[in-house]
């Protein structure tokens, strides 16, 4: 990445900030674009970088192109979008319409094309391959507004490649976990509750029970640092290898969500009851199984996941538990990975 100019859209978010920091550490000039430029922008972007305040929800292709041109962008990472606390129209604006404007802006730029790394999601597949790892050749059939709008963004990138020669690649991410994960996610919600429970226990109070929806699903999870490594690999891979490609990025293992919650509690050292809401068949809004085949990422990017699930959970817990909270120092033997008959390791 040394010497490259990297523009990160959504540069102050959960993934955007990590990606920007990793690019800067690798020698790139980083330009973070978000609605509000961060107060610590000099530290966030490093030498030669910048922080740009731009409302991407309303910015025109011309305004986006002006930012990319001023930065002399070699790479554009789109880490912006809407997932939590948004209706389908708001998700469409952030996950699909924004991507249309970004590719229009890129197509209008003079000179060598900048590489666009678009962050997609496993939710674009919908049910995916039943009880097996889902490869990129699987026909997407999303069942949630988030999945539908992210798939529209993916298709905008692939269409721009075919019709306008935009140098774009889509990384289809598994469910991302790590410190700073939004509280709208199951992982963020549980972590926030454990942090509050630890503070209550320190005051001599009984921790409140953890109330959750029915935990029937198994999900592919990937560490935020592993995602960042995949982004850097995609940003610098040869155009002939990755332009116009969709590439899965995950751990390639389905993790039962109840086992994940139990593991988080065990690692926290807390004792508190978990209450799952009763849910009938009509209450499900998503699919019961997600597992990605990541062999294409290994082949095209030389990438593979390096962080264990426990690494991710410990980092997440360390970010929410009070410093004085005592946690088990010896790793437990159990893991939250699905057993052989439930999980797939391609």
Protein backbone atom coordinates (compact mmCIF):
# COMPACT_ATOMS: atom_id res chain seq x y z
CA UNK A 1 0.00 0.00 0.00
CA UNK A 2 3.02 2.29 0.34
CA UNK A 3 2.59 5.45 -1.74
CA UNK A 4 -1.03 4.76 -2.70
CA UNK A 5 -3.82 7.23 -2.03
CA UNK A 6 -6.73 5.41 -0.36
CA UNK A 7 -10.17 6.96 0.13
CA UNK A 8 -12.35 5.20 2.70
CA UNK A 9 -16.05 6.02 2.44
CA UNK A 10 -17.66 5.60 5.83
CA UNK A 11 -14.20 6.13 7.28
CA UNK A 12 -15.27 6.68 10.89
CA UNK A 13 -17.45 3.56 11.19
CA UNK A 14 -16.75 0.18 12.74
CA UNK A 15 -14.86 -1.18 9.72
CA UNK A 16 -13.92 2.07 7.99
CA UNK A 17 -11.77 3.31 10.85
CA UNK A 18 -9.89 0.00 11.08
CA UNK A 19 -9.32 -0.12 7.33
CA UNK A 20 -8.05 3.45 7.27
CA UNK A 21 -5.65 2.81 10.16
CA UNK A 22 -4.31 -0.37 8.53
CA UNK A 23 -3.75 1.38 5.19
CA UNK A 24 -1.94 4.25 6.92
CA UNK A 25 0.23 1.80 8.86
CA UNK A 26 1.11 0.16 5.54
CA UNK A 27 2.35 3.45 4.10
CA UNK A 28 -0.72 4.69 2.22
CA UNK A 29 -2.06 8.25 2.24
CA UNK A 30 -5.49 7.80 3.76
CA UNK A 31 -8.50 10.04 3.26
CA UNK A 32 -11.47 9.29 5.50
CA UNK A 33 -14.86 10.43 4.20
CA UNK A 34 -17.78 10.63 6.62
CA UNK A 35 -20.63 12.94 7.53
CA UNK A 36 -18.46 14.56 10.19
CA UNK A 37 -14.67 14.63 10.02
CA UNK A 38 -13.23 13.06 13.21
CA UNK A 39 -11.75 15.42 15.80
CA UNK A 40 -8.60 13.27 15.93
CA UNK A 41 -8.25 13.21 12.14
CA UNK A 42 -4.48 13.82 12.11
CA UNK A 43 -3.89 10.70 14.20
CA UNK A 44 -6.54 8.71 12.32
CA UNK A 45 -5.16 9.26 8.80
CA UNK A 46 -1.42 9.64 9.31
CA UNK A 47 1.02 11.67 7.19
CA UNK A 48 -0.32 13.02 3.91
CA UNK A 49 -3.90 12.00 4.66
CA UNK A 50 -7.05 13.95 5.32
CA UNK A 51 -10.51 13.70 6.83
CA UNK A 52 -13.35 14.98 4.69
CA UNK A 53 -16.81 15.86 5.95
CA UNK A 54 -19.34 14.85 3.30
CA UNK A 55 -22.87 13.53 3.72
CA UNK A 56 -22.68 10.50 1.45
CA UNK A 57 -26.43 9.96 1.77
CA UNK A 58 -27.08 13.08 -0.29
CA UNK A 59 -23.80 13.75 -2.12
CA UNK A 60 -24.06 13.86 -5.92
CA UNK A 61 -21.73 11.92 -8.24
CA UNK A 62 -20.03 15.23 -9.05
CA UNK A 63 -19.39 15.95 -5.36
CA UNK A 64 -18.05 12.45 -4.79
CA UNK A 65 -15.85 12.72 -7.88
CA UNK A 66 -14.46 16.02 -6.61
CA UNK A 67 -13.39 14.39 -3.34
CA UNK A 68 -11.79 11.45 -5.16
CA UNK A 69 -10.02 13.75 -7.60
CA UNK A 70 -8.67 16.03 -4.85
CA UNK A 71 -7.32 12.98 -3.04
CA UNK A 72 -5.75 11.57 -6.21
CA UNK A 73 -7.46 8.30 -5.32
CA UNK A 74 -5.77 5.07 -6.34
CA UNK A 75 -8.11 2.96 -4.19
CA UNK A 76 -11.64 3.62 -2.95
CA UNK A 77 -13.04 1.42 -0.18
CA UNK A 78 -16.77 1.70 0.32
CA UNK A 79 -17.37 0.88 3.98
CA UNK A 80 -20.44 3.12 4.15
CA UNK A 81 -23.99 1.84 4.37
CA UNK A 82 -27.00 1.22 6.60
CA UNK A 83 -27.70 -1.94 8.56
CA UNK A 84 -29.24 -1.11 11.93
CA UNK A 85 -32.15 1.10 12.94
CA UNK A 86 -33.13 1.84 9.36
CA UNK A 87 -36.12 0.96 7.19
CA UNK A 88 -35.81 -0.51 3.71
CA UNK A 89 -35.91 2.89 2.00
CA UNK A 90 -33.05 4.16 4.17
CA UNK A 91 -31.09 0.96 3.54
CA UNK A 92 -31.67 1.34 -0.20
CA UNK A 93 -30.29 4.89 -0.06
CA UNK A 94 -27.17 3.85 1.86
CA UNK A 95 -26.50 0.42 0.37
CA UNK A 96 -27.63 0.70 -3.26
CA UNK A 97 -28.19 4.29 -4.41
CA UNK A 98 -24.90 5.45 -2.88
CA UNK A 99 -23.02 2.72 -4.76
CA UNK A 100 -24.65 3.83 -8.02
CA UNK A 101 -23.36 7.36 -7.41
CA UNK A 102 -19.90 6.14 -6.44
CA UNK A 103 -19.44 4.08 -9.61
CA UNK A 104 -20.77 6.99 -11.70
CA UNK A 105 -18.17 9.23 -10.06
CA UNK A 106 -15.40 6.71 -10.66
CA UNK A 107 -16.33 6.28 -14.31
CA UNK A 108 -16.09 10.05 -14.82
CA UNK A 109 -12.58 10.41 -13.38
CA UNK A 110 -9.75 10.96 -15.89
CA UNK A 111 -6.59 8.93 -15.89
CA UNK A 112 -5.97 5.34 -14.77
CA UNK A 113 -9.00 3.83 -13.03
CA UNK A 114 -9.04 3.73 -9.24
CA UNK A 115 -9.68 0.34 -7.66
CA UNK A 116 -13.08 0.17 -5.91
CA UNK A 117 -13.38 -2.33 -3.05
CA UNK A 118 -17.08 -2.66 -2.23
CA UNK A 119 -18.01 -4.33 1.06
CA UNK A 120 -20.93 -6.68 0.52
CA UNK A 121 -22.52 -9.19 2.89
CA UNK A 122 -23.34 -12.85 3.30
CA UNK A 123 -26.97 -11.76 3.69
CA UNK A 124 -27.08 -11.23 -0.08
CA UNK A 125 -27.25 -15.02 -0.51
CA UNK A 126 -30.35 -15.55 1.57
CA UNK A 127 -30.58 -19.23 2.43
CA UNK A 128 -27.39 -20.08 0.53
CA UNK A 129 -26.41 -23.70 0.12
CA UNK A 130 -28.38 -25.86 2.58
CA UNK A 131 -26.14 -27.33 5.33
CA UNK A 132 -23.00 -26.62 3.31
CA UNK A 133 -20.58 -23.84 2.46
CA UNK A 134 -21.95 -21.31 -0.03
CA UNK A 135 -19.73 -20.38 -2.96
CA UNK A 136 -19.88 -17.25 -5.07
CA UNK A 137 -21.56 -19.11 -7.92
CA UNK A 138 -24.66 -19.63 -5.75
CA UNK A 139 -27.58 -17.54 -7.03
CA UNK A 140 -28.39 -14.83 -4.44
CA UNK A 141 -31.91 -14.83 -3.03
CA UNK A 142 -31.90 -12.42 -0.06
CA UNK A 143 -34.80 -12.49 2.40
CA UNK A 144 -34.11 -9.31 4.40
CA UNK A 145 -34.14 -5.63 3.39
CA UNK A 146 -30.45 -5.43 4.27
CA UNK A 147 -29.59 -8.36 2.02
CA UNK A 148 -31.72 -7.05 -0.85
CA UNK A 149 -30.25 -3.56 -0.77
CA UNK A 150 -26.67 -4.77 -0.43
CA UNK A 151 -27.19 -7.10 -3.39
CA UNK A 152 -28.37 -4.11 -5.43
CA UNK A 153 -25.08 -2.40 -4.52
CA UNK A 154 -23.08 -5.45 -5.60
CA UNK A 155 -24.89 -5.56 -8.92
CA UNK A 156 -24.18 -1.87 -9.48
CA UNK A 157 -20.43 -2.55 -9.15
CA UNK A 158 -20.52 -5.57 -11.47
CA UNK A 159 -22.60 -3.66 -14.05
CA UNK A 160 -20.20 -0.71 -13.92
CA UNK A 161 -17.34 -3.09 -14.61
CA UNK A 162 -19.09 -4.59 -17.63
CA UNK A 163 -20.45 -1.39 -19.13
CA UNK A 164 -18.00 1.35 -18.07
CA UNK A 165 -14.77 -0.46 -17.25
CA UNK A 166 -14.81 0.49 -13.58
CA UNK A 167 -12.10 -1.44 -11.72
CA UNK A 168 -14.33 -2.81 -8.96
CA UNK A 169 -14.34 -5.89 -6.73
CA UNK A 170 -16.93 -6.94 -4.16
CA UNK A 171 -15.93 -8.62 -0.90
CA UNK A 172 -18.97 -10.50 0.38
CA UNK A 173 -18.38 -10.51 4.14
CA UNK A 174 -19.59 -12.95 6.73
CA UNK A 175 -20.97 -11.48 9.97
CA UNK A 176 -18.13 -9.30 11.28
CA UNK A 177 -17.14 -9.38 14.94
CA UNK A 178 -14.63 -7.40 16.99
CA UNK A 179 -14.30 -4.46 19.36
CA UNK A 180 -16.64 -1.64 18.39
CA UNK A 181 -19.23 -3.83 16.68
CA UNK A 182 -22.54 -1.91 16.64
CA UNK A 183 -24.97 -2.64 19.46
CA UNK A 184 -27.66 -3.33 16.86
CA UNK A 185 -25.97 -6.66 16.18
CA UNK A 186 -26.43 -9.68 18.43
CA UNK A 187 -22.74 -9.59 19.37
CA UNK A 188 -22.82 -5.89 20.23
CA UNK A 189 -26.02 -6.29 22.21
CA UNK A 190 -24.67 -9.17 24.29
CA UNK A 191 -21.35 -7.42 24.85
CA UNK A 192 -23.07 -4.24 26.04
CA UNK A 193 -25.22 -6.26 28.45
CA UNK A 194 -22.14 -8.05 29.82
CA UNK A 195 -20.42 -4.72 30.37
CA UNK A 196 -23.42 -3.43 32.30
CA UNK A 197 -23.64 -6.69 34.26
CA UNK A 198 -19.96 -6.46 35.25
CA UNK A 199 -20.46 -2.92 36.54
CA UNK A 200 -23.56 -4.02 38.46
CA UNK A 201 -21.63 -6.92 40.01
CA UNK A 202 -18.86 -4.52 41.06
CA UNK A 203 -21.49 -2.51 42.96
CA UNK A 204 -22.67 -5.66 44.69
CA UNK A 205 -25.87 -5.84 42.65
CA UNK A 206 -27.40 -8.86 40.95
CA UNK A 207 -26.80 -8.69 37.17
CA UNK A 208 -29.96 -8.47 35.09
CA UNK A 209 -30.90 -11.49 33.03
CA UNK A 210 -29.95 -11.43 29.37
CA UNK A 211 -33.13 -11.48 27.28
CA UNK A 212 -32.68 -12.41 23.62
CA UNK A 213 -34.75 -13.53 20.65
CA UNK A 214 -34.85 -17.24 19.92
CA UNK A 215 -31.28 -18.31 19.07
CA UNK A 216 -31.87 -20.99 16.45
CA UNK A 217 -29.48 -19.85 13.73
CA UNK A 218 -25.89 -20.76 12.90
CA UNK A 219 -23.76 -18.02 11.39
CA UNK A 220 -20.38 -17.64 9.70
CA UNK A 221 -18.36 -15.09 11.68
CA UNK A 222 -15.19 -13.28 10.66
CA UNK A 223 -12.89 -11.07 12.70
CA UNK A 224 -12.73 -7.38 11.80
CA UNK A 225 -8.94 -7.54 11.50
CA UNK A 226 -9.20 -10.44 9.06
CA UNK A 227 -11.68 -8.39 7.01
CA UNK A 228 -9.20 -5.51 6.99
CA UNK A 229 -6.46 -7.81 5.71
CA UNK A 230 -8.77 -8.99 2.92
CA UNK A 231 -9.52 -5.39 1.94
CA UNK A 232 -5.81 -4.56 1.69
CA UNK A 233 -5.22 -7.68 -0.40
CA UNK A 234 -8.12 -6.82 -2.73
CA UNK A 235 -6.93 -3.22 -3.06
CA UNK A 236 -3.55 -4.29 -4.44
CA UNK A 237 -4.36 -7.48 -6.36
CA UNK A 238 -3.87 -7.42 -10.15
CA UNK A 239 -6.87 -6.02 -12.02
CA UNK A 240 -7.01 -9.09 -14.24
CA UNK A 241 -7.48 -11.29 -11.16
CA UNK A 242 -10.16 -9.44 -9.23
CA UNK A 243 -11.98 -6.76 -11.27
CA UNK A 244 -15.61 -7.74 -11.70
CA UNK A 245 -15.33 -10.51 -9.11
CA UNK A 246 -17.36 -11.29 -6.00
CA UNK A 247 -15.15 -12.82 -3.31
CA UNK A 248 -16.39 -14.38 -0.08
CA UNK A 249 -14.62 -13.39 3.14
CA UNK A 250 -15.46 -15.49 6.19
CA UNK A 251 -14.15 -18.19 8.50
CA UNK A 252 -15.87 -20.98 6.60
CA UNK A 253 -17.53 -22.32 9.76
CA UNK A 254 -21.14 -22.12 10.91
CA UNK A 255 -21.37 -21.13 14.58
CA UNK A 256 -24.60 -21.80 16.51
CA UNK A 257 -25.66 -18.49 18.02
CA UNK A 258 -26.63 -19.93 21.40
CA UNK A 259 -23.16 -21.46 21.70
CA UNK A 260 -21.65 -18.07 20.82
CA UNK A 261 -23.63 -16.32 23.56
CA UNK A 262 -22.72 -18.99 26.10
CA UNK A 263 -19.06 -18.64 25.12
CA UNK A 264 -19.14 -14.87 25.56
CA UNK A 265 -20.60 -15.28 29.03
CA UNK A 266 -18.02 -17.93 29.95
CA UNK A 267 -15.13 -15.75 28.79
CA UNK A 268 -16.52 -12.77 30.71
CA UNK A 269 -16.37 -14.67 33.99
CA UNK A 270 -19.93 -13.57 34.81
CA UNK A 271 -22.83 -15.70 35.88
CA UNK A 272 -26.18 -14.56 34.59
CA UNK A 273 -29.28 -16.23 33.18
CA UNK A 274 -30.13 -16.14 29.48
CA UNK A 275 -33.80 -16.01 28.51
CA UNK A 276 -34.71 -16.71 24.90
CA UNK A 277 -38.02 -15.41 23.61
CA UNK A 278 -40.43 -17.98 22.29
CA UNK A 279 -40.68 -17.69 18.53
CA UNK A 280 -42.99 -19.50 16.19
CA UNK A 281 -42.22 -20.31 12.56
CA UNK A 282 -43.77 -17.02 11.41
CA UNK A 283 -41.39 -14.92 13.54
CA UNK A 284 -38.24 -15.68 11.53
CA UNK A 285 -36.99 -12.83 9.37
CA UNK A 286 -33.70 -14.39 8.30
CA UNK A 287 -32.24 -17.75 7.34
CA UNK A 288 -31.21 -20.44 9.83
CA UNK A 289 -27.78 -21.24 8.34
CA UNK A 290 -24.89 -19.23 6.93
CA UNK A 291 -21.50 -20.63 5.97
CA UNK A 292 -19.20 -19.28 3.27
CA UNK A 293 -16.80 -21.10 0.97
CA UNK A 294 -13.68 -18.90 1.07
CA UNK A 295 -11.53 -20.84 -1.38
CA UNK A 296 -11.75 -18.05 -3.99
CA UNK A 297 -10.27 -15.56 -1.50
CA UNK A 298 -7.37 -17.94 -0.88
CA UNK A 299 -6.81 -18.36 -4.61
CA UNK A 300 -7.18 -14.76 -5.81
CA UNK A 301 -6.06 -12.78 -2.77
CA UNK A 302 -3.76 -15.17 -0.95
CA UNK A 303 -6.01 -14.51 2.04
CA UNK A 304 -7.23 -16.76 4.81
CA UNK A 305 -8.72 -16.04 8.24
CA UNK A 306 -6.07 -15.96 10.97
CA UNK A 307 -7.95 -14.85 14.06
CA UNK A 308 -9.80 -17.48 16.11
CA UNK A 309 -13.31 -16.91 17.35
CA UNK A 310 -11.98 -16.66 20.90
CA UNK A 311 -9.53 -13.95 19.77
CA UNK A 312 -12.49 -11.96 18.45
CA UNK A 313 -14.63 -12.50 21.53
CA UNK A 314 -11.84 -11.59 23.95
CA UNK A 315 -11.13 -8.36 22.07
CA UNK A 316 -14.82 -7.48 22.05
CA UNK A 317 -15.21 -8.20 25.77
CA UNK A 318 -12.07 -6.24 26.66
CA UNK A 319 -13.64 -3.19 25.00
CA UNK A 320 -16.80 -3.28 27.15
CA UNK A 321 -15.84 -4.80 30.51
CA UNK A 322 -14.48 -2.43 33.18
CA UNK A 323 -10.68 -2.65 33.60
CA UNK A 324 -11.00 -3.89 37.18
CA UNK A 325 -13.23 -6.80 36.16
CA UNK A 326 -11.49 -10.14 36.72
CA UNK A 327 -11.79 -12.55 33.81
CA UNK A 328 -10.58 -16.14 33.54
CA UNK A 329 -6.91 -16.12 32.59
CA UNK A 330 -6.75 -19.65 31.21
CA UNK A 331 -8.42 -20.29 27.85
CA UNK A 332 -11.33 -22.68 28.13
CA UNK A 333 -11.23 -25.87 26.11
CA UNK A 334 -14.68 -25.55 24.54
CA UNK A 335 -15.24 -23.50 21.42
CA UNK A 336 -18.34 -22.01 19.88
CA UNK A 337 -17.73 -23.62 16.49
CA UNK A 338 -20.45 -25.95 15.30
CA UNK A 339 -19.60 -29.63 15.75
CA UNK A 340 -18.84 -31.68 12.68
CA UNK A 341 -22.45 -32.55 11.94
CA UNK A 342 -23.49 -28.86 12.19
CA UNK A 343 -20.53 -26.89 10.85
CA UNK A 344 -18.61 -27.02 7.60
CA UNK A 345 -14.89 -26.34 7.19
CA UNK A 346 -14.25 -26.33 3.43
